[in-house]
Amino acid sequence: RLTANDLPEGPRWFTPETIRVEADRAWAAETARMAAAAVSRKAYANHAAKANAQILSGICWPLAGKLIKQGVAFSTLSGVLAGFARPFVLQHTLRALDPEQGYSRGFGLGLAVGLAAISWLENWSRYYGGFVFGDLAVQRCMAGLVQ
């Protein structure tokens, strides 16, 4: 029978205790910002906007900003590989098939291996970036909002 003691612990940065501490810290900073905005509004009588809590920038960004940046970085890497590196290496790999181009057979095989590695890295970075941005960051943000 499987018990809670049989399960491995999750990553420390994803535990409810860690998220709760960070969410409380972010919420305290956001309420302080709202209070400061309310005071400054009283000083300026013609400013009619209300001080609302900024959920995305005040709570979610402190909780998941690092993951969002990582997801964007991996997705950008995938785009660079798909838009520049893969076509460039593919072009030279195809040229290496023509003996008149002056490429050695070993260089052509190296380009083919490089093309396979670029394709693998491109796909890995695309899906890993989507996982980090779309799953981990969103879950961490949502977990912090319900704390």
N, C-alpha and C. Protein backbone atom coordinates (compact mmCIF):
# COMPACT_ATOMS: atom_id res chain seq x y z
N ARG A 1 0.84 -1.18 0.00
CA ARG A 1 0.00 0.00 0.00
C ARG A 1 0.88 1.24 0.00
N LEU A 2 0.56 2.18 -0.87
CA LEU A 2 1.32 3.41 -1.02
C LEU A 2 0.88 4.42 0.03
N THR A 3 1.86 4.97 0.75
CA THR A 3 1.57 6.00 1.75
C THR A 3 2.31 7.28 1.38
N ALA A 4 2.02 8.34 2.11
CA ALA A 4 2.67 9.64 1.85
C ALA A 4 4.17 9.54 2.06
N ASN A 5 4.63 8.69 2.96
CA ASN A 5 6.07 8.54 3.21
C ASN A 5 6.79 7.88 2.04
N ASP A 6 6.07 7.14 1.21
CA ASP A 6 6.67 6.48 0.05
C ASP A 6 6.92 7.44 -1.11
N LEU A 7 6.26 8.58 -1.11
CA LEU A 7 6.38 9.52 -2.22
C LEU A 7 7.60 10.41 -2.05
N PRO A 8 8.30 10.70 -3.12
CA PRO A 8 9.44 11.63 -3.01
C PRO A 8 8.92 13.05 -2.78
N GLU A 9 9.73 13.84 -2.13
CA GLU A 9 9.34 15.23 -1.91
C GLU A 9 9.50 16.01 -3.21
N GLY A 10 8.66 17.01 -3.37
CA GLY A 10 8.74 17.87 -4.54
C GLY A 10 9.87 18.86 -4.37
N PRO A 11 10.10 19.65 -5.41
CA PRO A 11 11.15 20.66 -5.31
C PRO A 11 10.81 21.69 -4.23
N ARG A 12 11.82 22.16 -3.53
CA ARG A 12 11.62 23.08 -2.41
C ARG A 12 10.91 24.36 -2.85
N TRP A 13 11.20 24.86 -4.03
CA TRP A 13 10.61 26.11 -4.50
C TRP A 13 9.14 25.95 -4.86
N PHE A 14 8.62 24.71 -4.87
CA PHE A 14 7.23 24.47 -5.25
C PHE A 14 6.40 23.95 -4.08
N THR A 15 6.96 23.98 -2.88
CA THR A 15 6.20 23.51 -1.72
C THR A 15 5.21 24.57 -1.28
N PRO A 16 4.09 24.18 -0.70
CA PRO A 16 3.10 25.18 -0.25
C PRO A 16 3.68 26.17 0.77
N GLU A 17 4.56 25.69 1.62
CA GLU A 17 5.13 26.59 2.64
C GLU A 17 5.96 27.69 1.98
N THR A 18 6.79 27.32 1.02
CA THR A 18 7.63 28.30 0.33
C THR A 18 6.77 29.29 -0.45
N ILE A 19 5.78 28.78 -1.16
CA ILE A 19 4.91 29.66 -1.95
C ILE A 19 4.12 30.58 -1.03
N ARG A 20 3.66 30.06 0.11
CA ARG A 20 2.90 30.89 1.04
C ARG A 20 3.75 32.05 1.56
N VAL A 21 4.99 31.77 1.94
CA VAL A 21 5.87 32.83 2.44
C VAL A 21 6.10 33.89 1.36
N GLU A 22 6.37 33.46 0.14
CA GLU A 22 6.61 34.41 -0.94
C GLU A 22 5.34 35.18 -1.31
N ALA A 23 4.18 34.49 -1.28
CA ALA A 23 2.92 35.17 -1.59
C ALA A 23 2.58 36.19 -0.52
N ASP A 24 2.81 35.86 0.75
CA ASP A 24 2.57 36.82 1.83
C ASP A 24 3.47 38.03 1.69
N ARG A 25 4.72 37.81 1.34
CA ARG A 25 5.67 38.92 1.15
C ARG A 25 5.22 39.81 -0.03
N ALA A 26 4.81 39.18 -1.12
CA ALA A 26 4.36 39.94 -2.28
C ALA A 26 3.07 40.70 -1.98
N TRP A 27 2.16 40.08 -1.23
CA TRP A 27 0.90 40.74 -0.89
C TRP A 27 1.16 41.92 0.05
N ALA A 28 2.08 41.77 0.99
CA ALA A 28 2.42 42.88 1.89
C ALA A 28 3.00 44.06 1.10
N ALA A 29 3.85 43.77 0.14
CA ALA A 29 4.41 44.83 -0.69
C ALA A 29 3.32 45.49 -1.53
N GLU A 30 2.39 44.71 -2.05
CA GLU A 30 1.32 45.26 -2.87
C GLU A 30 0.36 46.11 -2.03
N THR A 31 0.03 45.69 -0.82
CA THR A 31 -0.85 46.50 0.03
C THR A 31 -0.14 47.78 0.45
N ALA A 32 1.17 47.73 0.66
CA ALA A 32 1.92 48.95 0.97
C ALA A 32 1.89 49.90 -0.23
N ARG A 33 2.01 49.36 -1.43
CA ARG A 33 1.94 50.19 -2.63
C ARG A 33 0.55 50.82 -2.77
N MET A 34 -0.49 50.03 -2.48
CA MET A 34 -1.85 50.56 -2.57
C MET A 34 -2.06 51.67 -1.53
N ALA A 35 -1.54 51.49 -0.32
CA ALA A 35 -1.69 52.51 0.72
C ALA A 35 -0.96 53.79 0.31
N ALA A 36 0.22 53.66 -0.25
CA ALA A 36 0.97 54.83 -0.71
C ALA A 36 0.23 55.53 -1.84
N ALA A 37 -0.41 54.77 -2.72
CA ALA A 37 -1.18 55.37 -3.81
C ALA A 37 -2.39 56.10 -3.26
N ALA A 38 -3.03 55.57 -2.23
CA ALA A 38 -4.19 56.23 -1.63
C ALA A 38 -3.78 57.55 -0.98
N VAL A 39 -2.64 57.57 -0.31
CA VAL A 39 -2.15 58.79 0.32
C VAL A 39 -1.84 59.84 -0.74
N SER A 40 -1.20 59.44 -1.81
CA SER A 40 -0.85 60.40 -2.85
C SER A 40 -2.09 60.91 -3.57
N ARG A 41 -3.15 60.08 -3.68
CA ARG A 41 -4.40 60.53 -4.29
C ARG A 41 -5.07 61.60 -3.44
N LYS A 42 -4.97 61.48 -2.12
CA LYS A 42 -5.56 62.50 -1.25
C LYS A 42 -4.84 63.83 -1.42
N ALA A 43 -3.56 63.77 -1.74
CA ALA A 43 -2.81 65.01 -1.96
C ALA A 43 -3.19 65.66 -3.28
N TYR A 44 -3.64 64.89 -4.24
CA TYR A 44 -4.05 65.41 -5.54
C TYR A 44 -5.55 65.19 -5.69
N ALA A 45 -6.33 66.21 -5.44
CA ALA A 45 -7.79 66.08 -5.40
C ALA A 45 -8.38 65.71 -6.75
N ASN A 46 -7.77 66.08 -7.85
CA ASN A 46 -8.35 65.81 -9.16
C ASN A 46 -7.98 64.43 -9.71
N HIS A 47 -7.28 63.64 -8.96
CA HIS A 47 -6.91 62.29 -9.40
C HIS A 47 -8.01 61.34 -8.94
N ALA A 48 -8.78 60.79 -9.87
CA ALA A 48 -9.97 60.03 -9.51
C ALA A 48 -9.78 58.52 -9.55
N ALA A 49 -8.64 58.04 -9.98
CA ALA A 49 -8.46 56.58 -10.10
C ALA A 49 -8.38 55.93 -8.73
N LYS A 50 -8.87 54.74 -8.64
CA LYS A 50 -8.83 53.99 -7.38
C LYS A 50 -7.54 53.18 -7.32
N ALA A 51 -7.10 52.92 -6.09
CA ALA A 51 -5.91 52.08 -5.90
C ALA A 51 -6.37 50.63 -5.83
N ASN A 52 -6.15 49.89 -6.87
CA ASN A 52 -6.52 48.47 -6.90
C ASN A 52 -5.27 47.62 -6.80
N ALA A 53 -5.44 46.46 -6.23
CA ALA A 53 -4.33 45.52 -6.16
C ALA A 53 -4.00 45.04 -7.57
N GLN A 54 -2.74 45.08 -7.90
CA GLN A 54 -2.28 44.61 -9.19
C GLN A 54 -1.88 43.14 -9.04
N ILE A 55 -2.77 42.26 -9.42
CA ILE A 55 -2.56 40.82 -9.22
C ILE A 55 -1.38 40.32 -10.04
N LEU A 56 -1.33 40.69 -11.32
CA LEU A 56 -0.26 40.16 -12.17
C LEU A 56 1.11 40.71 -11.78
N SER A 57 1.22 42.04 -11.71
CA SER A 57 2.53 42.62 -11.42
C SER A 57 2.88 42.57 -9.94
N GLY A 58 1.88 42.59 -9.09
CA GLY A 58 2.16 42.62 -7.65
C GLY A 58 2.31 41.27 -7.00
N ILE A 59 1.58 40.28 -7.49
CA ILE A 59 1.60 38.96 -6.86
C ILE A 59 2.23 37.90 -7.77
N CYS A 60 1.73 37.78 -8.99
CA CYS A 60 2.20 36.71 -9.88
C CYS A 60 3.65 36.92 -10.31
N TRP A 61 4.03 38.15 -10.64
CA TRP A 61 5.39 38.38 -11.11
C TRP A 61 6.43 38.03 -10.05
N PRO A 62 6.27 38.44 -8.77
CA PRO A 62 7.25 38.02 -7.77
C PRO A 62 7.29 36.50 -7.57
N LEU A 63 6.16 35.84 -7.75
CA LEU A 63 6.12 34.39 -7.55
C LEU A 63 6.65 33.62 -8.75
N ALA A 64 6.35 34.08 -9.95
CA ALA A 64 6.65 33.28 -11.14
C ALA A 64 7.47 34.02 -12.18
N GLY A 65 7.99 35.20 -11.86
CA GLY A 65 8.73 35.98 -12.84
C GLY A 65 9.95 35.26 -13.38
N LYS A 66 10.67 34.58 -12.50
CA LYS A 66 11.86 33.85 -12.95
C LYS A 66 11.49 32.73 -13.93
N LEU A 67 10.40 32.03 -13.64
CA LEU A 67 9.95 30.97 -14.53
C LEU A 67 9.46 31.53 -15.86
N ILE A 68 8.79 32.67 -15.81
CA ILE A 68 8.33 33.30 -17.05
C ILE A 68 9.53 33.68 -17.91
N LYS A 69 10.55 34.27 -17.29
CA LYS A 69 11.76 34.64 -18.04
C LYS A 69 12.44 33.40 -18.63
N GLN A 70 12.51 32.32 -17.86
CA GLN A 70 13.12 31.09 -18.38
C GLN A 70 12.32 30.55 -19.56
N GLY A 71 11.01 30.53 -19.44
CA GLY A 71 10.17 30.04 -20.54
C GLY A 71 10.34 30.86 -21.80
N VAL A 72 10.39 32.17 -21.63
CA VAL A 72 10.58 33.05 -22.79
C VAL A 72 11.97 32.83 -23.40
N ALA A 73 12.98 32.65 -22.55
CA ALA A 73 14.34 32.43 -23.06
C ALA A 73 14.43 31.13 -23.86
N PHE A 74 13.84 30.06 -23.35
CA PHE A 74 13.87 28.79 -24.08
C PHE A 74 13.07 28.88 -25.38
N SER A 75 11.95 29.56 -25.35
CA SER A 75 11.17 29.72 -26.58
C SER A 75 11.91 30.59 -27.59
N THR A 76 12.62 31.60 -27.13
CA THR A 76 13.43 32.44 -28.02
C THR A 76 14.56 31.62 -28.64
N LEU A 77 15.21 30.79 -27.83
CA LEU A 77 16.26 29.90 -28.35
C LEU A 77 15.69 29.01 -29.44
N SER A 78 14.52 28.46 -29.21
CA SER A 78 13.89 27.61 -30.21
C SER A 78 13.64 28.38 -31.50
N GLY A 79 13.18 29.61 -31.37
CA GLY A 79 12.93 30.43 -32.55
C GLY A 79 14.19 30.76 -33.32
N VAL A 80 15.27 31.06 -32.60
CA VAL A 80 16.55 31.35 -33.27
C VAL A 80 17.07 30.11 -33.99
N LEU A 81 16.95 28.97 -33.35
CA LEU A 81 17.40 27.73 -33.99
C LEU A 81 16.56 27.41 -35.22
N ALA A 82 15.25 27.61 -35.11
CA ALA A 82 14.36 27.30 -36.24
C ALA A 82 14.50 28.31 -37.37
N GLY A 83 14.73 29.57 -37.03
CA GLY A 83 14.75 30.60 -38.05
C GLY A 83 16.10 30.88 -38.66
N PHE A 84 17.17 30.54 -37.94
CA PHE A 84 18.49 30.86 -38.47
C PHE A 84 19.40 29.64 -38.54
N ALA A 85 19.63 28.98 -37.41
CA ALA A 85 20.65 27.93 -37.36
C ALA A 85 20.29 26.73 -38.24
N ARG A 86 19.06 26.24 -38.12
CA ARG A 86 18.69 25.05 -38.89
C ARG A 86 18.73 25.32 -40.39
N PRO A 87 18.15 26.41 -40.92
CA PRO A 87 18.26 26.64 -42.37
C PRO A 87 19.70 26.84 -42.84
N PHE A 88 20.51 27.50 -42.02
CA PHE A 88 21.90 27.73 -42.39
C PHE A 88 22.67 26.41 -42.50
N VAL A 89 22.53 25.57 -41.49
CA VAL A 89 23.24 24.28 -41.51
C VAL A 89 22.66 23.36 -42.59
N LEU A 90 21.35 23.41 -42.78
CA LEU A 90 20.73 22.60 -43.84
C LEU A 90 21.26 23.00 -45.22
N GLN A 91 21.39 24.29 -45.44
CA GLN A 91 21.93 24.78 -46.72
C GLN A 91 23.33 24.23 -46.97
N HIS A 92 24.18 24.29 -45.97
CA HIS A 92 25.54 23.80 -46.14
C HIS A 92 25.60 22.27 -46.19
N THR A 93 24.68 21.61 -45.52
CA THR A 93 24.62 20.15 -45.60
C THR A 93 24.25 19.72 -47.01
N LEU A 94 23.29 20.41 -47.61
CA LEU A 94 22.91 20.07 -48.99
C LEU A 94 24.03 20.40 -49.97
N ARG A 95 24.74 21.47 -49.73
CA ARG A 95 25.88 21.80 -50.59
C ARG A 95 26.98 20.74 -50.47
N ALA A 96 27.11 20.17 -49.29
CA ALA A 96 28.15 19.16 -49.07
C ALA A 96 27.87 17.89 -49.86
N LEU A 97 26.63 17.69 -50.30
CA LEU A 97 26.31 16.51 -51.11
C LEU A 97 26.89 16.63 -52.52
N ASP A 98 27.13 17.85 -52.99
CA ASP A 98 27.67 18.08 -54.33
C ASP A 98 29.19 18.09 -54.25
N PRO A 99 29.87 17.15 -54.91
CA PRO A 99 31.33 17.09 -54.85
C PRO A 99 32.01 18.33 -55.40
N GLU A 100 31.34 19.06 -56.28
CA GLU A 100 31.95 20.25 -56.87
C GLU A 100 32.03 21.42 -55.90
N GLN A 101 31.35 21.34 -54.79
CA GLN A 101 31.36 22.43 -53.81
C GLN A 101 32.63 22.43 -52.96
N GLY A 102 33.36 21.36 -52.93
CA GLY A 102 34.64 21.30 -52.23
C GLY A 102 34.57 20.88 -50.77
N TYR A 103 33.42 20.42 -50.33
CA TYR A 103 33.32 19.94 -48.95
C TYR A 103 33.84 18.51 -48.87
N SER A 104 34.52 18.17 -47.79
CA SER A 104 34.94 16.78 -47.60
C SER A 104 33.75 15.96 -47.12
N ARG A 105 33.85 14.65 -47.28
CA ARG A 105 32.78 13.75 -46.84
C ARG A 105 32.59 13.83 -45.33
N GLY A 106 33.69 13.90 -44.60
CA GLY A 106 33.62 14.00 -43.14
C GLY A 106 32.95 15.29 -42.68
N PHE A 107 33.24 16.39 -43.38
CA PHE A 107 32.62 17.66 -43.04
C PHE A 107 31.11 17.60 -43.30
N GLY A 108 30.73 16.98 -44.40
CA GLY A 108 29.31 16.81 -44.71
C GLY A 108 28.60 15.97 -43.67
N LEU A 109 29.26 14.89 -43.22
CA LEU A 109 28.66 14.07 -42.16
C LEU A 109 28.57 14.85 -40.85
N GLY A 110 29.58 15.65 -40.58
CA GLY A 110 29.54 16.50 -39.38
C GLY A 110 28.39 17.49 -39.43
N LEU A 111 28.16 18.06 -40.61
CA LEU A 111 27.02 18.97 -40.77
C LEU A 111 25.70 18.25 -40.57
N ALA A 112 25.61 17.01 -41.06
CA ALA A 112 24.38 16.23 -40.89
C ALA A 112 24.13 15.93 -39.41
N VAL A 113 25.18 15.59 -38.68
CA VAL A 113 25.05 15.35 -37.25
C VAL A 113 24.66 16.66 -36.53
N GLY A 114 25.29 17.76 -36.95
CA GLY A 114 24.94 19.06 -36.39
C GLY A 114 23.49 19.43 -36.65
N LEU A 115 23.01 19.12 -37.84
CA LEU A 115 21.61 19.39 -38.18
C LEU A 115 20.67 18.58 -37.29
N ALA A 116 21.02 17.33 -37.05
CA ALA A 116 20.20 16.51 -36.16
C ALA A 116 20.21 17.07 -34.73
N ALA A 117 21.38 17.51 -34.27
CA ALA A 117 21.49 18.07 -32.92
C ALA A 117 20.70 19.38 -32.82
N ILE A 118 20.77 20.21 -33.84
CA ILE A 118 20.01 21.47 -33.84
C ILE A 118 18.51 21.19 -33.82
N SER A 119 18.07 20.22 -34.60
CA SER A 119 16.65 19.88 -34.62
C SER A 119 16.18 19.38 -33.26
N TRP A 120 17.00 18.55 -32.63
CA TRP A 120 16.65 18.05 -31.30
C TRP A 120 16.59 19.19 -30.29
N LEU A 121 17.61 20.05 -30.28
CA LEU A 121 17.66 21.16 -29.33
C LEU A 121 16.52 22.15 -29.58
N GLU A 122 16.21 22.37 -30.84
CA GLU A 122 15.10 23.27 -31.18
C GLU A 122 13.78 22.75 -30.60
N ASN A 123 13.49 21.49 -30.83
CA ASN A 123 12.24 20.92 -30.32
C ASN A 123 12.23 20.84 -28.81
N TRP A 124 13.34 20.45 -28.21
CA TRP A 124 13.41 20.38 -26.74
C TRP A 124 13.18 21.75 -26.13
N SER A 125 13.86 22.78 -26.65
CA SER A 125 13.72 24.11 -26.07
C SER A 125 12.31 24.66 -26.29
N ARG A 126 11.68 24.34 -27.40
CA ARG A 126 10.31 24.80 -27.63
C ARG A 126 9.36 24.20 -26.61
N TYR A 127 9.43 22.88 -26.42
CA TYR A 127 8.49 22.22 -25.51
C TYR A 127 8.83 22.47 -24.05
N TYR A 128 10.12 22.54 -23.73
CA TYR A 128 10.49 22.84 -22.35
C TYR A 128 10.12 24.28 -21.98
N GLY A 129 10.34 25.21 -22.91
CA GLY A 129 9.93 26.60 -22.67
C GLY A 129 8.43 26.71 -22.47
N GLY A 130 7.67 26.00 -23.26
CA GLY A 130 6.21 25.99 -23.08
C GLY A 130 5.80 25.37 -21.75
N PHE A 131 6.51 24.34 -21.33
CA PHE A 131 6.22 23.70 -20.05
C PHE A 131 6.52 24.64 -18.89
N VAL A 132 7.69 25.29 -18.93
CA VAL A 132 8.07 26.19 -17.85
C VAL A 132 7.12 27.39 -17.79
N PHE A 133 6.85 28.00 -18.95
CA PHE A 133 6.01 29.19 -18.99
C PHE A 133 4.54 28.85 -18.77
N GLY A 134 4.05 27.87 -19.49
CA GLY A 134 2.62 27.57 -19.48
C GLY A 134 2.15 26.70 -18.35
N ASP A 135 3.04 25.92 -17.76
CA ASP A 135 2.63 25.03 -16.68
C ASP A 135 3.19 25.46 -15.34
N LEU A 136 4.51 25.46 -15.20
CA LEU A 136 5.11 25.76 -13.90
C LEU A 136 4.81 27.18 -13.43
N ALA A 137 5.00 28.17 -14.30
CA ALA A 137 4.77 29.56 -13.90
C ALA A 137 3.31 29.79 -13.55
N VAL A 138 2.41 29.27 -14.37
CA VAL A 138 0.98 29.46 -14.12
C VAL A 138 0.57 28.75 -12.83
N GLN A 139 1.05 27.54 -12.61
CA GLN A 139 0.69 26.82 -11.39
C GLN A 139 1.24 27.51 -10.15
N ARG A 140 2.44 28.03 -10.24
CA ARG A 140 3.03 28.72 -9.09
C ARG A 140 2.26 30.00 -8.79
N CYS A 141 1.88 30.72 -9.83
CA CYS A 141 1.09 31.93 -9.65
C CYS A 141 -0.28 31.60 -9.03
N MET A 142 -0.94 30.61 -9.56
CA MET A 142 -2.26 30.24 -9.04
C MET A 142 -2.17 29.72 -7.60
N ALA A 143 -1.12 28.97 -7.30
CA ALA A 143 -0.95 28.48 -5.93
C ALA A 143 -0.73 29.64 -4.97
N GLY A 144 -0.02 30.66 -5.42
CA GLY A 144 0.20 31.82 -4.56
C GLY A 144 -1.07 32.64 -4.38
N LEU A 145 -1.92 32.70 -5.39
CA LEU A 145 -3.15 33.48 -5.28
C LEU A 145 -4.17 32.84 -4.35
N VAL A 146 -4.14 31.53 -4.19
CA VAL A 146 -5.12 30.89 -3.32
C VAL A 146 -4.61 30.71 -1.90
N GLN A 147 -3.39 31.15 -1.62
CA GLN A 147 -2.83 30.99 -0.27
C GLN A 147 -3.54 31.88 0.73
